[in-house]
Amino acid sequence: MIIRLALIGNGTDGEPYRVDLPTYANAITNETTGRAFADVPVSDVPADVAAFVSAYPTVDLTTPLPVPFPQSLANAWADFLARRYDLGNARWKPVVF
């Protein structure tokens, strides 16, 4: 599933720009806007996040979302990944941006 996400990192060798997810492929980034398109495995995307992405499709890395990504969805996605990867706590904090 192609999702536009916020980048983390500061672009240095020690902190490269990246998407805050355990697995993804084919990231297209725009460091100026702090956004990236990433191909995220469907198994790593809970249904409510997939529904939000479908309801608010994005076509580029510059146009803001029509509504902000709810913090409750961000928290639920982080908890989902922690359970899926059996971490016991939320290590990744992906944000649709």
C-alpha atoms as a PDB file:
ATOM      1  CA  MET A   1       0.000   0.000   0.000  1.00  0.00           C
ATOM      2  CA  ILE A   2       1.485   3.347  -1.037  1.00  0.00           C
ATOM      3  CA  ILE A   3       1.230   5.804   1.852  1.00  0.00           C
ATOM      4  CA  ARG A   4       2.548   9.341   2.208  1.00  0.00           C
ATOM      5  CA  LEU A   5       4.379   9.567   5.525  1.00  0.00           C
ATOM      6  CA  ALA A   6       6.385  12.016   7.580  1.00  0.00           C
ATOM      7  CA  LEU A   7      10.154  11.671   7.443  1.00  0.00           C
ATOM      8  CA  ILE A   8      12.303  11.436  10.537  1.00  0.00           C
ATOM      9  CA  GLY A   9      16.024  12.105  10.875  1.00  0.00           C
ATOM     10  CA  ASN A  10      18.096  15.170  10.070  1.00  0.00           C
ATOM     11  CA  GLY A  11      19.909  14.050   6.922  1.00  0.00           C
ATOM     12  CA  THR A  12      23.299  13.391   8.509  1.00  0.00           C
ATOM     13  CA  ASP A  13      25.267  10.135   8.356  1.00  0.00           C
ATOM     14  CA  GLY A  14      24.262   9.369  11.939  1.00  0.00           C
ATOM     15  CA  GLU A  15      20.590  10.318  11.452  1.00  0.00           C
ATOM     16  CA  PRO A  16      19.627   9.822   7.786  1.00  0.00           C
ATOM     17  CA  TYR A  17      16.156  10.760   6.572  1.00  0.00           C
ATOM     18  CA  ARG A  18      13.842   7.776   6.732  1.00  0.00           C
ATOM     19  CA  VAL A  19      10.268   6.648   7.273  1.00  0.00           C
ATOM     20  CA  ASP A  20       9.472   5.572  10.842  1.00  0.00           C
ATOM     21  CA  LEU A  21       8.372   2.014  10.021  1.00  0.00           C
ATOM     22  CA  PRO A  22       9.972  -1.410  10.470  1.00  0.00           C
ATOM     23  CA  THR A  23       9.508  -2.404   6.815  1.00  0.00           C
ATOM     24  CA  TYR A  24       8.807  -0.473   3.643  1.00  0.00           C
ATOM     25  CA  ALA A  25      10.091  -0.318   0.076  1.00  0.00           C
ATOM     26  CA  ASN A  26      10.562   2.153  -2.732  1.00  0.00           C
ATOM     27  CA  ALA A  27      10.524   5.339  -0.672  1.00  0.00           C
ATOM     28  CA  ILE A  28      10.382   8.548  -2.677  1.00  0.00           C
ATOM     29  CA  THR A  29      11.328  11.414  -0.392  1.00  0.00           C
ATOM     30  CA  ASN A  30      11.160  15.181  -0.303  1.00  0.00           C
ATOM     31  CA  GLU A  31      13.379  16.387   2.519  1.00  0.00           C
ATOM     32  CA  THR A  32      12.186  19.979   2.067  1.00  0.00           C
ATOM     33  CA  THR A  33       8.581  19.090   2.899  1.00  0.00           C
ATOM     34  CA  GLY A  34       9.520  16.267   5.274  1.00  0.00           C
ATOM     35  CA  ARG A  35       7.333  13.781   3.402  1.00  0.00           C
ATOM     36  CA  ALA A  36       7.804  10.505   1.570  1.00  0.00           C
ATOM     37  CA  PHE A  37       5.767   8.052  -0.429  1.00  0.00           C
ATOM     38  CA  ALA A  38       6.553   4.533   0.770  1.00  0.00           C
ATOM     39  CA  ASP A  39       5.256   1.125  -0.222  1.00  0.00           C
ATOM     40  CA  VAL A  40       4.169  -0.323   3.133  1.00  0.00           C
ATOM     41  CA  PRO A  41       3.228  -4.014   3.467  1.00  0.00           C
ATOM     42  CA  VAL A  42      -0.540  -4.325   3.884  1.00  0.00           C
ATOM     43  CA  SER A  43       0.067  -6.562   6.899  1.00  0.00           C
ATOM     44  CA  ASP A  44       1.704  -3.576   8.657  1.00  0.00           C
ATOM     45  CA  VAL A  45      -1.263  -1.226   8.101  1.00  0.00           C
ATOM     46  CA  PRO A  46      -4.293  -1.547  10.397  1.00  0.00           C
ATOM     47  CA  ALA A  47      -7.710  -1.250   8.771  1.00  0.00           C
ATOM     48  CA  ASP A  48      -8.497   2.179  10.285  1.00  0.00           C
ATOM     49  CA  VAL A  49      -5.250   3.653   8.919  1.00  0.00           C
ATOM     50  CA  ALA A  50      -5.912   2.092   5.508  1.00  0.00           C
ATOM     51  CA  ALA A  51      -9.401   3.626   5.570  1.00  0.00           C
ATOM     52  CA  PHE A  52      -7.959   7.091   6.344  1.00  0.00           C
ATOM     53  CA  VAL A  53      -5.411   6.790   3.516  1.00  0.00           C
ATOM     54  CA  SER A  54      -8.173   5.722   1.099  1.00  0.00           C
ATOM     55  CA  ALA A  55     -10.471   8.536   2.215  1.00  0.00           C
ATOM     56  CA  TYR A  56      -7.785  11.222   1.774  1.00  0.00           C
ATOM     57  CA  PRO A  57      -5.626  10.218  -1.208  1.00  0.00           C
ATOM     58  CA  THR A  58      -2.517  12.272  -1.916  1.00  0.00           C
ATOM     59  CA  VAL A  59      -0.981  12.844  -5.323  1.00  0.00           C
ATOM     60  CA  ASP A  60       2.256  14.653  -4.482  1.00  0.00           C
ATOM     61  CA  LEU A  61       4.715  15.344  -1.690  1.00  0.00           C
ATOM     62  CA  THR A  62       3.886  19.036  -1.289  1.00  0.00           C
ATOM     63  CA  THR A  63       0.105  19.444  -0.973  1.00  0.00           C
ATOM     64  CA  PRO A  64      -1.064  19.274   2.664  1.00  0.00           C
ATOM     65  CA  LEU A  65      -3.680  16.721   3.645  1.00  0.00           C
ATOM     66  CA  PRO A  66      -7.220  18.152   3.708  1.00  0.00           C
ATOM     67  CA  VAL A  67      -7.487  17.028   7.348  1.00  0.00           C
ATOM     68  CA  PRO A  68      -4.672  16.244   9.789  1.00  0.00           C
ATOM     69  CA  PHE A  69      -3.846  12.613  10.578  1.00  0.00           C
ATOM     70  CA  PRO A  70      -5.559  12.019  13.950  1.00  0.00           C
ATOM     71  CA  GLN A  71      -3.220  11.406  16.874  1.00  0.00           C
ATOM     72  CA  SER A  72      -5.493   8.549  17.952  1.00  0.00           C
ATOM     73  CA  LEU A  73      -4.769   6.785  14.631  1.00  0.00           C
ATOM     74  CA  ALA A  74      -1.036   7.428  14.975  1.00  0.00           C
ATOM     75  CA  ASN A  75      -1.082   5.935  18.481  1.00  0.00           C
ATOM     76  CA  ALA A  76      -3.165   2.953  17.364  1.00  0.00           C
ATOM     77  CA  TRP A  77      -0.774   2.294  14.449  1.00  0.00           C
ATOM     78  CA  ALA A  78       2.263   2.431  16.770  1.00  0.00           C
ATOM     79  CA  ASP A  79       0.566  -0.004  19.179  1.00  0.00           C
ATOM     80  CA  PHE A  80      -0.415  -2.291  16.267  1.00  0.00           C
ATOM     81  CA  LEU A  81       3.220  -2.458  15.088  1.00  0.00           C
ATOM     82  CA  ALA A  82       4.476  -3.119  18.628  1.00  0.00           C
ATOM     83  CA  ARG A  83       2.080  -6.078  18.930  1.00  0.00           C
ATOM     84  CA  ARG A  84       2.813  -7.339  15.413  1.00  0.00           C
ATOM     85  CA  TYR A  85       6.567  -7.317  15.990  1.00  0.00           C
ATOM     86  CA  ASP A  86       6.157  -8.474  19.626  1.00  0.00           C
ATOM     87  CA  LEU A  87       8.011  -5.542  21.141  1.00  0.00           C
ATOM     88  CA  GLY A  88       5.736  -4.886  24.087  1.00  0.00           C
ATOM     89  CA  ASN A  89       5.945  -1.128  23.507  1.00  0.00           C
ATOM     90  CA  ALA A  90       5.513   1.298  20.664  1.00  0.00           C
ATOM     91  CA  ARG A  91       8.916   1.729  19.034  1.00  0.00           C
ATOM     92  CA  TRP A  92       7.770   3.063  15.660  1.00  0.00           C
ATOM     93  CA  LYS A  93       5.596   6.142  15.406  1.00  0.00           C
ATOM     94  CA  PRO A  94       4.472   6.457  11.777  1.00  0.00           C
ATOM     95  CA  VAL A  95       2.444   9.504  10.792  1.00  0.00           C
ATOM     96  CA  VAL A  96       0.480   9.989   7.577  1.00  0.00           C
ATOM     97  CA  PHE A  97       1.526  13.496   6.504  1.00  0.00           C
END
